[in-house]
Amino acid sequence: MAYPFAQGIIDWAVTDTIPVTLANVSGPRFSTPAESVKFAADGCDVVNMTQAAEATWAAALGIPYISIGLVTDGDASEAVNMTLIHERALAFAENQRNVLLQVLSQLK
C-alpha cells in the first residue's frame, strides 16, 4: 500500500509535517552499517521499526491512521547507544505531549 496514512487527519492535526521516506526494519534493534548505506542509497530519510505494518493494516481496515515520529539518532552517521536515545526521547517528551493533545482535541 503506497499511501497508508490518512491525509485528512494529517491536514488538520499537524501543521508542521515533514514528508519522509521510511525504511522499515524488524526491531527492536539498530540497523547494521550495511543496511544504513543501502537505505540511504534507496533515498530513505528515516529508519523505523514500527510504522509500516500498523499503517498498512489500518488502511486495509479503513481505519484512519497517522504516525508521530521521534527521531532519536542519525543511524550510521553517529555513534548510537541507549543513553543517547533516552536523553533525546526525554527532551522531545513535551512536544510529543502537545502534538497528541492537539490531535485528540480534534477527534469527534
N, C-alpha and C. Protein backbone atom coordinates (compact mmCIF):
# COMPACT_ATOMS: atom_id res chain seq x y z
N MET A 1 0.84 -1.16 0.00
CA MET A 1 0.00 0.00 0.00
C MET A 1 0.90 1.23 0.00
N ALA A 2 0.85 1.99 -1.06
CA ALA A 2 1.78 3.10 -1.24
C ALA A 2 1.53 4.26 -0.30
N TYR A 3 0.29 4.57 0.03
CA TYR A 3 -0.03 5.73 0.87
C TYR A 3 -1.00 5.33 1.98
N PRO A 4 -0.51 4.65 3.00
CA PRO A 4 -1.41 4.14 4.03
C PRO A 4 -1.86 5.17 5.07
N PHE A 5 -1.21 6.33 5.13
CA PHE A 5 -1.54 7.30 6.16
C PHE A 5 -2.75 8.13 5.75
N ALA A 6 -3.57 8.51 6.71
CA ALA A 6 -4.81 9.25 6.48
C ALA A 6 -4.50 10.72 6.25
N GLN A 7 -4.47 11.14 4.99
CA GLN A 7 -4.11 12.52 4.67
C GLN A 7 -5.05 13.52 5.30
N GLY A 8 -6.34 13.21 5.39
CA GLY A 8 -7.29 14.13 6.01
C GLY A 8 -6.92 14.46 7.44
N ILE A 9 -6.46 13.47 8.19
CA ILE A 9 -6.06 13.71 9.57
C ILE A 9 -4.78 14.53 9.59
N ILE A 10 -3.85 14.19 8.74
CA ILE A 10 -2.59 14.93 8.69
C ILE A 10 -2.85 16.40 8.40
N ASP A 11 -3.78 16.69 7.49
CA ASP A 11 -4.06 18.07 7.10
C ASP A 11 -4.51 18.93 8.27
N TRP A 12 -5.38 18.40 9.16
CA TRP A 12 -5.86 19.24 10.25
C TRP A 12 -5.14 19.02 11.56
N ALA A 13 -4.46 17.90 11.73
CA ALA A 13 -3.87 17.59 13.03
C ALA A 13 -2.53 18.28 13.26
N VAL A 14 -1.73 18.32 12.25
CA VAL A 14 -0.37 18.82 12.44
C VAL A 14 -0.05 19.80 11.32
N THR A 15 0.40 20.97 11.69
CA THR A 15 0.72 21.97 10.68
C THR A 15 2.20 21.95 10.31
N ASP A 16 2.99 21.22 11.07
CA ASP A 16 4.44 21.20 10.86
C ASP A 16 4.90 19.80 10.46
N THR A 17 4.44 19.30 9.34
CA THR A 17 4.82 17.96 8.92
C THR A 17 6.01 18.01 7.99
N ILE A 18 6.79 16.96 8.02
CA ILE A 18 7.94 16.82 7.14
C ILE A 18 7.78 15.51 6.40
N PRO A 19 7.50 15.55 5.10
CA PRO A 19 7.35 14.29 4.37
C PRO A 19 8.67 13.54 4.29
N VAL A 20 8.63 12.26 4.60
CA VAL A 20 9.83 11.44 4.57
C VAL A 20 9.53 10.10 3.93
N THR A 21 10.59 9.43 3.50
CA THR A 21 10.50 8.06 3.02
C THR A 21 11.09 7.17 4.11
N LEU A 22 10.31 6.19 4.54
CA LEU A 22 10.71 5.33 5.64
C LEU A 22 11.28 4.01 5.16
N ALA A 23 12.33 3.57 5.81
CA ALA A 23 12.82 2.20 5.66
C ALA A 23 12.42 1.47 6.93
N ASN A 24 11.87 0.30 6.80
CA ASN A 24 11.39 -0.43 7.98
C ASN A 24 12.28 -1.64 8.23
N VAL A 25 12.68 -1.80 9.49
CA VAL A 25 13.43 -2.99 9.92
C VAL A 25 12.65 -3.67 11.03
N SER A 26 12.81 -4.96 11.14
CA SER A 26 12.19 -5.68 12.25
C SER A 26 12.99 -5.37 13.50
N GLY A 27 12.32 -4.84 14.50
CA GLY A 27 13.02 -4.43 15.72
C GLY A 27 12.42 -5.05 16.94
N PRO A 28 12.85 -4.65 18.07
CA PRO A 28 13.74 -3.52 18.29
C PRO A 28 15.21 -3.89 18.09
N ARG A 29 15.86 -3.08 17.29
CA ARG A 29 17.30 -3.22 17.05
C ARG A 29 17.77 -2.03 16.25
N PHE A 30 19.06 -1.82 16.22
CA PHE A 30 19.65 -0.79 15.38
C PHE A 30 19.94 -1.39 14.01
N SER A 31 19.97 -0.56 13.00
CA SER A 31 20.35 -1.01 11.66
C SER A 31 21.83 -1.38 11.66
N THR A 32 22.17 -2.30 10.78
CA THR A 32 23.58 -2.58 10.59
C THR A 32 24.17 -1.48 9.70
N PRO A 33 25.48 -1.28 9.73
CA PRO A 33 26.07 -0.28 8.83
C PRO A 33 25.74 -0.53 7.36
N ALA A 34 25.72 -1.79 6.95
CA ALA A 34 25.40 -2.10 5.55
C ALA A 34 23.95 -1.73 5.24
N GLU A 35 23.03 -1.99 6.15
CA GLU A 35 21.64 -1.59 5.93
C GLU A 35 21.52 -0.08 5.83
N SER A 36 22.22 0.63 6.67
CA SER A 36 22.16 2.09 6.67
C SER A 36 22.63 2.66 5.33
N VAL A 37 23.70 2.11 4.79
CA VAL A 37 24.21 2.55 3.48
C VAL A 37 23.16 2.27 2.40
N LYS A 38 22.57 1.09 2.44
CA LYS A 38 21.55 0.70 1.45
C LYS A 38 20.32 1.60 1.55
N PHE A 39 19.85 1.85 2.77
CA PHE A 39 18.68 2.71 2.93
C PHE A 39 18.94 4.11 2.39
N ALA A 40 20.11 4.66 2.68
CA ALA A 40 20.46 5.99 2.18
C ALA A 40 20.53 5.98 0.65
N ALA A 41 21.11 4.95 0.08
CA ALA A 41 21.20 4.84 -1.38
C ALA A 41 19.81 4.73 -2.02
N ASP A 42 18.87 4.14 -1.28
CA ASP A 42 17.50 3.99 -1.77
C ASP A 42 16.68 5.26 -1.59
N GLY A 43 17.26 6.29 -0.98
CA GLY A 43 16.55 7.54 -0.79
C GLY A 43 15.71 7.61 0.47
N CYS A 44 15.95 6.71 1.40
CA CYS A 44 15.18 6.72 2.64
C CYS A 44 15.71 7.79 3.59
N ASP A 45 14.78 8.46 4.26
CA ASP A 45 15.13 9.53 5.19
C ASP A 45 15.20 9.04 6.63
N VAL A 46 14.37 8.07 6.97
CA VAL A 46 14.23 7.60 8.34
C VAL A 46 14.17 6.08 8.35
N VAL A 47 14.85 5.49 9.32
CA VAL A 47 14.77 4.05 9.55
C VAL A 47 13.89 3.86 10.78
N ASN A 48 12.86 3.03 10.66
CA ASN A 48 11.97 2.84 11.80
C ASN A 48 11.69 1.36 12.00
N MET A 49 11.10 1.06 13.12
CA MET A 49 10.84 -0.34 13.48
C MET A 49 9.37 -0.66 13.61
N THR A 50 8.47 0.31 13.46
CA THR A 50 7.08 0.01 13.78
C THR A 50 6.05 0.48 12.77
N GLN A 51 6.30 1.54 12.04
CA GLN A 51 5.22 2.19 11.31
C GLN A 51 4.64 1.41 10.14
N ALA A 52 5.44 0.69 9.41
CA ALA A 52 4.97 0.10 8.16
C ALA A 52 3.81 -0.87 8.35
N ALA A 53 3.95 -1.81 9.23
CA ALA A 53 2.90 -2.81 9.39
C ALA A 53 1.60 -2.20 9.92
N GLU A 54 1.68 -1.38 10.95
CA GLU A 54 0.49 -0.81 11.54
C GLU A 54 -0.27 0.09 10.56
N ALA A 55 0.45 0.92 9.82
CA ALA A 55 -0.20 1.82 8.87
C ALA A 55 -0.90 1.04 7.77
N THR A 56 -0.27 0.00 7.29
CA THR A 56 -0.86 -0.82 6.23
C THR A 56 -2.10 -1.55 6.72
N TRP A 57 -2.01 -2.14 7.92
CA TRP A 57 -3.18 -2.85 8.48
C TRP A 57 -4.34 -1.90 8.69
N ALA A 58 -4.07 -0.72 9.24
CA ALA A 58 -5.13 0.25 9.49
C ALA A 58 -5.80 0.67 8.19
N ALA A 59 -5.00 0.96 7.16
CA ALA A 59 -5.56 1.36 5.87
C ALA A 59 -6.40 0.25 5.26
N ALA A 60 -5.94 -0.99 5.39
CA ALA A 60 -6.70 -2.11 4.84
C ALA A 60 -8.05 -2.28 5.54
N LEU A 61 -8.11 -1.88 6.80
CA LEU A 61 -9.36 -1.99 7.58
C LEU A 61 -10.19 -0.70 7.53
N GLY A 62 -9.70 0.31 6.80
CA GLY A 62 -10.43 1.56 6.70
C GLY A 62 -10.34 2.42 7.95
N ILE A 63 -9.31 2.22 8.75
CA ILE A 63 -9.12 2.98 9.98
C ILE A 63 -8.15 4.13 9.68
N PRO A 64 -8.59 5.38 9.87
CA PRO A 64 -7.66 6.50 9.65
C PRO A 64 -6.46 6.38 10.57
N TYR A 65 -5.28 6.64 10.05
CA TYR A 65 -4.05 6.42 10.81
C TYR A 65 -3.01 7.47 10.44
N ILE A 66 -2.36 8.00 11.44
CA ILE A 66 -1.18 8.82 11.22
C ILE A 66 -0.12 8.34 12.21
N SER A 67 1.08 8.80 12.03
CA SER A 67 2.17 8.40 12.90
C SER A 67 2.92 9.63 13.35
N ILE A 68 3.32 9.62 14.61
CA ILE A 68 4.16 10.69 15.13
C ILE A 68 5.54 10.10 15.31
N GLY A 69 6.48 10.60 14.54
CA GLY A 69 7.84 10.06 14.59
C GLY A 69 8.72 10.81 15.58
N LEU A 70 9.54 10.07 16.25
CA LEU A 70 10.54 10.63 17.15
C LEU A 70 11.89 10.13 16.65
N VAL A 71 12.64 11.01 16.02
CA VAL A 71 13.95 10.63 15.51
C VAL A 71 14.95 10.78 16.65
N THR A 72 15.53 9.66 17.05
CA THR A 72 16.41 9.67 18.22
C THR A 72 17.89 9.69 17.87
N ASP A 73 18.23 9.35 16.63
CA ASP A 73 19.65 9.29 16.29
C ASP A 73 19.83 9.38 14.79
N GLY A 74 21.07 9.57 14.38
CA GLY A 74 21.40 9.71 12.98
C GLY A 74 21.77 8.41 12.29
N ASP A 75 21.30 7.29 12.85
CA ASP A 75 21.57 5.97 12.29
C ASP A 75 23.08 5.77 12.17
N ALA A 76 23.58 5.46 11.02
CA ALA A 76 25.00 5.14 10.89
C ALA A 76 25.89 6.39 10.92
N SER A 77 25.28 7.57 10.89
CA SER A 77 26.10 8.79 10.84
C SER A 77 26.58 9.25 12.21
N GLU A 78 26.16 8.56 13.28
CA GLU A 78 26.63 8.92 14.62
C GLU A 78 26.66 7.67 15.51
N ALA A 79 27.45 7.73 16.54
CA ALA A 79 27.50 6.63 17.50
C ALA A 79 26.19 6.60 18.28
N VAL A 80 25.54 5.47 18.31
CA VAL A 80 24.23 5.34 18.94
C VAL A 80 24.34 4.43 20.14
N ASN A 81 23.70 4.85 21.22
CA ASN A 81 23.58 3.98 22.40
C ASN A 81 22.27 4.32 23.09
N MET A 82 21.87 3.50 24.02
CA MET A 82 20.58 3.69 24.68
C MET A 82 20.55 4.96 25.53
N THR A 83 21.66 5.38 26.06
CA THR A 83 21.69 6.62 26.85
C THR A 83 21.33 7.81 25.96
N LEU A 84 21.93 7.88 24.77
CA LEU A 84 21.63 8.95 23.83
C LEU A 84 20.15 8.95 23.46
N ILE A 85 19.63 7.78 23.14
CA ILE A 85 18.23 7.67 22.74
C ILE A 85 17.31 8.10 23.89
N HIS A 86 17.60 7.66 25.10
CA HIS A 86 16.78 8.02 26.25
C HIS A 86 16.81 9.53 26.48
N GLU A 87 17.97 10.14 26.40
CA GLU A 87 18.09 11.60 26.59
C GLU A 87 17.27 12.35 25.54
N ARG A 88 17.34 11.93 24.31
CA ARG A 88 16.59 12.62 23.25
C ARG A 88 15.09 12.40 23.39
N ALA A 89 14.70 11.21 23.78
CA ALA A 89 13.28 10.94 23.98
C ALA A 89 12.72 11.83 25.09
N LEU A 90 13.45 11.98 26.17
CA LEU A 90 13.00 12.86 27.25
C LEU A 90 12.93 14.31 26.79
N ALA A 91 13.89 14.73 25.99
CA ALA A 91 13.91 16.11 25.50
C ALA A 91 12.71 16.39 24.59
N PHE A 92 12.23 15.41 23.86
CA PHE A 92 11.11 15.58 22.95
C PHE A 92 9.75 15.33 23.61
N ALA A 93 9.73 14.88 24.85
CA ALA A 93 8.50 14.44 25.50
C ALA A 93 7.43 15.52 25.53
N GLU A 94 7.78 16.74 25.88
CA GLU A 94 6.78 17.81 25.97
C GLU A 94 6.18 18.12 24.61
N ASN A 95 7.01 18.15 23.59
CA ASN A 95 6.49 18.39 22.24
C ASN A 95 5.55 17.26 21.81
N GLN A 96 5.93 16.02 22.09
CA GLN A 96 5.06 14.89 21.74
C GLN A 96 3.72 15.00 22.45
N ARG A 97 3.77 15.37 23.72
CA ARG A 97 2.54 15.52 24.50
C ARG A 97 1.65 16.58 23.86
N ASN A 98 2.21 17.71 23.47
CA ASN A 98 1.44 18.78 22.86
C ASN A 98 0.82 18.36 21.53
N VAL A 99 1.57 17.63 20.72
CA VAL A 99 1.04 17.15 19.44
C VAL A 99 -0.11 16.18 19.69
N LEU A 100 0.05 15.26 20.62
CA LEU A 100 -1.02 14.31 20.92
C LEU A 100 -2.27 15.01 21.44
N LEU A 101 -2.11 15.99 22.29
CA LEU A 101 -3.26 16.73 22.80
C LEU A 101 -3.96 17.47 21.67
N GLN A 102 -3.20 18.02 20.75
CA GLN A 102 -3.78 18.71 19.60
C GLN A 102 -4.59 17.74 18.74
N VAL A 103 -4.03 16.57 18.46
CA VAL A 103 -4.73 15.56 17.66
C VAL A 103 -5.98 15.09 18.37
N LEU A 104 -5.86 14.75 19.64
CA LEU A 104 -7.01 14.24 20.39
C LEU A 104 -8.13 15.27 20.50
N SER A 105 -7.79 16.53 20.57
CA SER A 105 -8.82 17.56 20.69
C SER A 105 -9.65 17.67 19.41
N GLN A 106 -9.12 17.21 18.29
CA GLN A 106 -9.82 17.29 17.01
C GLN A 106 -10.70 16.07 16.74
N LEU A 107 -10.51 14.99 17.49
CA LEU A 107 -11.30 13.79 17.27
C LEU A 107 -12.72 14.00 17.78
N LYS A 108 -13.65 13.52 17.06
CA LYS A 108 -15.06 13.66 17.47
C LYS A 108 -15.65 12.31 17.80
